Structure formats: structure tokens, C-alpha cells
């Protein structure tokens, strides 16, 4: 696996520690699927995809005492992000890996900073999809 934040390659083995952020939908453990249910999941994965999104929903443009009124930017991560592990999608689930809490914090801070920058620019309907931030 590759840390999304520092880009360091770390094997997924018992000798190494890592953080995993899973998003999308995950199947409940210990429940056997029938063939009909398996077909339904396959059909759903043709039209659905995992998504992790951070969106600002600004109050109406006439709002008083509200931050960034009338602005609605967002940042979205999906299965096409270059750091989502392969295979890209496993039954509508995606994973991002981090080598440490510090790298997770750096990545989340960079995500929030990117959203804040969009807000400061007044991007009304901006959408940033699958950004890759510089390593710390």
C-alpha cells in the first residue's frame, strides 16, 4: 500500500502498522449471500460507486451573519483516486491507507485547507474531485 499523505510504500503485513480509511458501503460480516443477492450487488456496482465527500452548504445569498453565504463548493474522493487500493472497488467500498496518525491529520488538514481556499475564492458551485496533495 502507499500512504496517501507521505506517498511512502508500506507492505500490508503483520509486521507493519497502518491506518485504513474505508468509505462507501461494506457488506455485513458473517452473512452468506445468495446468488440472487450477489447478482444484485454486481448490478448495483455497475451504477453506484463509493464516495467520500466534504461539501460546504452555504446559507442563501441574502443570509445575515452567516459565513460564505451563497457558496457551495465541495471536495470528493471516489474509487478513481490514484491512491485507492486495487482493485478499485470491492462491492461499493474503497480504502485509503495512511502510515501514521500524523499523515492522516496532514491529509485531512490539506483537504480542509483546499475547501477553505475554494470558499475564500467564492466558488459558488466548485467541485474538486480526487485531489492529490503534496507530501508533508
C-alpha atoms as a PDB file:
ATOM      1  CA  UNK A   1       0.000   0.000   0.000  1.00  0.00           C
ATOM      2  CA  UNK A   2       1.001   3.583  -0.413  1.00  0.00           C
ATOM      3  CA  UNK A   3       0.388   6.229   2.246  1.00  0.00           C
ATOM      4  CA  UNK A   4      -1.946   8.834   0.755  1.00  0.00           C
ATOM      5  CA  UNK A   5      -0.161  11.605   2.626  1.00  0.00           C
ATOM      6  CA  UNK A   6       3.602  10.950   2.528  1.00  0.00           C
ATOM      7  CA  UNK A   7       3.490   8.591  -0.519  1.00  0.00           C
ATOM      8  CA  UNK A   8       5.709   6.037   1.252  1.00  0.00           C
ATOM      9  CA  UNK A   9       5.171   2.416   0.194  1.00  0.00           C
ATOM     10  CA  UNK A  10       4.416   0.128   3.126  1.00  0.00           C
ATOM     11  CA  UNK A  11       3.575  -3.549   2.789  1.00  0.00           C
ATOM     12  CA  UNK A  12       0.292  -4.710   4.263  1.00  0.00           C
ATOM     13  CA  UNK A  13       1.684  -7.417   6.507  1.00  0.00           C
ATOM     14  CA  UNK A  14       1.508  -8.115  10.194  1.00  0.00           C
ATOM     15  CA  UNK A  15       4.969  -6.625  10.744  1.00  0.00           C
ATOM     16  CA  UNK A  16       3.790  -3.111   9.805  1.00  0.00           C
ATOM     17  CA  UNK A  17       1.194  -0.777  11.296  1.00  0.00           C
ATOM     18  CA  UNK A  18      -1.080   1.418   9.211  1.00  0.00           C
ATOM     19  CA  UNK A  19      -4.375   3.311   9.266  1.00  0.00           C
ATOM     20  CA  UNK A  20      -7.126   2.411   6.836  1.00  0.00           C
ATOM     21  CA  UNK A  21      -9.964   4.778   5.944  1.00  0.00           C
ATOM     22  CA  UNK A  22     -12.820   2.844   4.376  1.00  0.00           C
ATOM     23  CA  UNK A  23     -15.690   4.629   2.672  1.00  0.00           C
ATOM     24  CA  UNK A  24     -18.700   3.602   0.677  1.00  0.00           C
ATOM     25  CA  UNK A  25     -20.782   0.616   1.693  1.00  0.00           C
ATOM     26  CA  UNK A  26     -19.422  -2.569   3.211  1.00  0.00           C
ATOM     27  CA  UNK A  27     -21.164  -5.913   3.387  1.00  0.00           C
ATOM     28  CA  UNK A  28     -22.088  -7.100   6.865  1.00  0.00           C
ATOM     29  CA  UNK A  29     -19.660  -9.767   8.071  1.00  0.00           C
ATOM     30  CA  UNK A  30     -20.651 -13.376   8.601  1.00  0.00           C
ATOM     31  CA  UNK A  31     -23.720 -13.171   6.395  1.00  0.00           C
ATOM     32  CA  UNK A  32     -23.700 -15.519   3.419  1.00  0.00           C
ATOM     33  CA  UNK A  33     -25.070 -14.021   0.219  1.00  0.00           C
ATOM     34  CA  UNK A  34     -27.379 -15.920  -2.050  1.00  0.00           C
ATOM     35  CA  UNK A  35     -26.599 -15.984  -5.763  1.00  0.00           C
ATOM     36  CA  UNK A  36     -29.555 -13.637  -6.334  1.00  0.00           C
ATOM     37  CA  UNK A  37     -28.143 -11.173  -3.773  1.00  0.00           C
ATOM     38  CA  UNK A  38     -24.682 -11.451  -5.332  1.00  0.00           C
ATOM     39  CA  UNK A  39     -26.202 -10.622  -8.741  1.00  0.00           C
ATOM     40  CA  UNK A  40     -27.972  -7.614  -7.187  1.00  0.00           C
ATOM     41  CA  UNK A  41     -24.660  -6.342  -5.750  1.00  0.00           C
ATOM     42  CA  UNK A  42     -22.975  -6.774  -9.143  1.00  0.00           C
ATOM     43  CA  UNK A  43     -25.795  -4.826 -10.778  1.00  0.00           C
ATOM     44  CA  UNK A  44     -25.561  -2.069  -8.168  1.00  0.00           C
ATOM     45  CA  UNK A  45     -21.790  -1.725  -8.576  1.00  0.00           C
ATOM     46  CA  UNK A  46     -22.315  -1.079 -12.280  1.00  0.00           C
ATOM     47  CA  UNK A  47     -24.205   2.137 -11.490  1.00  0.00           C
ATOM     48  CA  UNK A  48     -23.029   3.057  -7.958  1.00  0.00           C
ATOM     49  CA  UNK A  49     -19.582   3.909  -6.697  1.00  0.00           C
ATOM     50  CA  UNK A  50     -18.073   4.637  -3.293  1.00  0.00           C
ATOM     51  CA  UNK A  51     -17.681   8.290  -2.472  1.00  0.00           C
ATOM     52  CA  UNK A  52     -16.272  10.341   0.377  1.00  0.00           C
ATOM     53  CA  UNK A  53     -17.252  13.987   0.104  1.00  0.00           C
ATOM     54  CA  UNK A  54     -16.669  17.160   2.074  1.00  0.00           C
ATOM     55  CA  UNK A  55     -19.188  19.791   0.926  1.00  0.00           C
ATOM     56  CA  UNK A  56     -19.969  23.282   2.169  1.00  0.00           C
ATOM     57  CA  UNK A  57     -23.660  24.138   2.133  1.00  0.00           C
ATOM     58  CA  UNK A  58     -23.787  27.917   2.414  1.00  0.00           C
ATOM     59  CA  UNK A  59     -26.890  29.724   3.560  1.00  0.00           C
ATOM     60  CA  UNK A  60     -28.821  31.628   0.913  1.00  0.00           C
ATOM     61  CA  UNK A  61     -27.056  34.632  -0.586  1.00  0.00           C
ATOM     62  CA  UNK A  62     -29.282  37.005   1.406  1.00  0.00           C
ATOM     63  CA  UNK A  63     -28.378  35.410   4.744  1.00  0.00           C
ATOM     64  CA  UNK A  64     -27.207  37.682   7.531  1.00  0.00           C
ATOM     65  CA  UNK A  65     -24.312  36.803   9.863  1.00  0.00           C
ATOM     66  CA  UNK A  66     -23.555  33.546   8.039  1.00  0.00           C
ATOM     67  CA  UNK A  67     -20.109  32.582   6.709  1.00  0.00           C
ATOM     68  CA  UNK A  68     -19.788  32.283   2.931  1.00  0.00           C
ATOM     69  CA  UNK A  69     -23.461  32.823   2.009  1.00  0.00           C
ATOM     70  CA  UNK A  70     -24.487  31.540  -1.397  1.00  0.00           C
ATOM     71  CA  UNK A  71     -21.311  29.453  -1.818  1.00  0.00           C
ATOM     72  CA  UNK A  72     -21.443  25.653  -2.292  1.00  0.00           C
ATOM     73  CA  UNK A  73     -18.022  24.137  -3.109  1.00  0.00           C
ATOM     74  CA  UNK A  74     -17.007  20.598  -2.264  1.00  0.00           C
ATOM     75  CA  UNK A  75     -14.232  18.044  -2.415  1.00  0.00           C
ATOM     76  CA  UNK A  76     -14.939  14.468  -3.434  1.00  0.00           C
ATOM     77  CA  UNK A  77     -12.857  11.306  -3.307  1.00  0.00           C
ATOM     78  CA  UNK A  78     -14.009   8.214  -5.172  1.00  0.00           C
ATOM     79  CA  UNK A  79     -12.712   4.909  -6.481  1.00  0.00           C
ATOM     80  CA  UNK A  80     -10.820   6.656  -9.303  1.00  0.00           C
ATOM     81  CA  UNK A  81      -8.440   8.418  -6.884  1.00  0.00           C
ATOM     82  CA  UNK A  82      -4.891   7.256  -7.698  1.00  0.00           C
ATOM     83  CA  UNK A  83      -4.287   6.160  -4.098  1.00  0.00           C
ATOM     84  CA  UNK A  84      -7.373   3.968  -3.754  1.00  0.00           C
ATOM     85  CA  UNK A  85      -6.127   0.419  -3.462  1.00  0.00           C
ATOM     86  CA  UNK A  86      -6.638  -2.008  -6.301  1.00  0.00           C
ATOM     87  CA  UNK A  87      -8.991  -3.493  -7.225  1.00  0.00           C
ATOM     88  CA  UNK A  88     -10.560  -0.062  -7.373  1.00  0.00           C
ATOM     89  CA  UNK A  89     -13.880  -1.156  -5.973  1.00  0.00           C
ATOM     90  CA  UNK A  90     -14.909  -4.097  -3.845  1.00  0.00           C
ATOM     91  CA  UNK A  91     -18.689  -4.214  -3.610  1.00  0.00           C
ATOM     92  CA  UNK A  92     -19.041  -0.386  -3.450  1.00  0.00           C
ATOM     93  CA  UNK A  93     -16.224   0.011  -0.909  1.00  0.00           C
ATOM     94  CA  UNK A  94     -12.966   1.923  -1.291  1.00  0.00           C
ATOM     95  CA  UNK A  95      -9.961   2.301   1.009  1.00  0.00           C
ATOM     96  CA  UNK A  96      -7.261   4.899   1.561  1.00  0.00           C
ATOM     97  CA  UNK A  97      -4.219   3.989   3.645  1.00  0.00           C
ATOM     98  CA  UNK A  98      -2.076   6.129   5.948  1.00  0.00           C
ATOM     99  CA  UNK A  99       1.174   5.140   7.644  1.00  0.00           C
ATOM    100  CA  UNK A 100       0.555   7.172  10.816  1.00  0.00           C
ATOM    101  CA  UNK A 101      -1.963   9.397  12.607  1.00  0.00           C
ATOM    102  CA  UNK A 102       0.266  12.350  11.644  1.00  0.00           C
ATOM    103  CA  UNK A 103      -0.134  11.533   7.938  1.00  0.00           C
ATOM    104  CA  UNK A 104      -3.896  11.155   8.352  1.00  0.00           C
ATOM    105  CA  UNK A 105      -4.005  14.546  10.107  1.00  0.00           C
ATOM    106  CA  UNK A 106      -1.871  16.163   7.364  1.00  0.00           C
ATOM    107  CA  UNK A 107      -4.170  14.746   4.671  1.00  0.00           C
ATOM    108  CA  UNK A 108      -7.374  15.875   6.429  1.00  0.00           C
ATOM    109  CA  UNK A 109      -5.867  19.324   7.088  1.00  0.00           C
ATOM    110  CA  UNK A 110      -4.889  19.624   3.407  1.00  0.00           C
ATOM    111  CA  UNK A 111      -8.442  18.631   2.424  1.00  0.00           C
ATOM    112  CA  UNK A 112      -9.988  21.234   4.726  1.00  0.00           C
ATOM    113  CA  UNK A 113      -7.446  23.844   3.545  1.00  0.00           C
ATOM    114  CA  UNK A 114      -8.442  23.165  -0.084  1.00  0.00           C
ATOM    115  CA  UNK A 115     -12.122  23.589   0.787  1.00  0.00           C
ATOM    116  CA  UNK A 116     -11.387  26.798   2.693  1.00  0.00           C
ATOM    117  CA  UNK A 117      -9.443  28.147  -0.296  1.00  0.00           C
ATOM    118  CA  UNK A 118     -12.465  27.468  -2.527  1.00  0.00           C
ATOM    119  CA  UNK A 119     -14.701  29.262  -0.019  1.00  0.00           C
ATOM    120  CA  UNK A 120     -12.359  32.270   0.134  1.00  0.00           C
ATOM    121  CA  UNK A 121     -12.405  32.475  -3.678  1.00  0.00           C
ATOM    122  CA  UNK A 122     -16.207  32.436  -3.563  1.00  0.00           C
ATOM    123  CA  UNK A 123     -16.542  29.378  -5.795  1.00  0.00           C
ATOM    124  CA  UNK A 124     -20.304  29.053  -5.945  1.00  0.00           C
ATOM    125  CA  UNK A 125     -20.552  25.525  -7.335  1.00  0.00           C
ATOM    126  CA  UNK A 126     -16.923  24.394  -7.368  1.00  0.00           C
ATOM    127  CA  UNK A 127     -16.219  20.678  -7.119  1.00  0.00           C
ATOM    128  CA  UNK A 128     -12.720  19.324  -6.658  1.00  0.00           C
ATOM    129  CA  UNK A 129     -12.586  15.600  -7.417  1.00  0.00           C
ATOM    130  CA  UNK A 130      -9.786  13.298  -6.283  1.00  0.00           C
ATOM    131  CA  UNK A 131      -7.172  15.896  -5.358  1.00  0.00           C
ATOM    132  CA  UNK A 132      -3.662  14.668  -4.580  1.00  0.00           C
ATOM    133  CA  UNK A 133      -1.904  16.807  -2.011  1.00  0.00           C
ATOM    134  CA  UNK A 134       1.870  17.256  -1.694  1.00  0.00           C
ATOM    135  CA  UNK A 135       3.617  15.085   0.882  1.00  0.00           C
ATOM    136  CA  UNK A 136       4.330  16.692   4.258  1.00  0.00           C
END
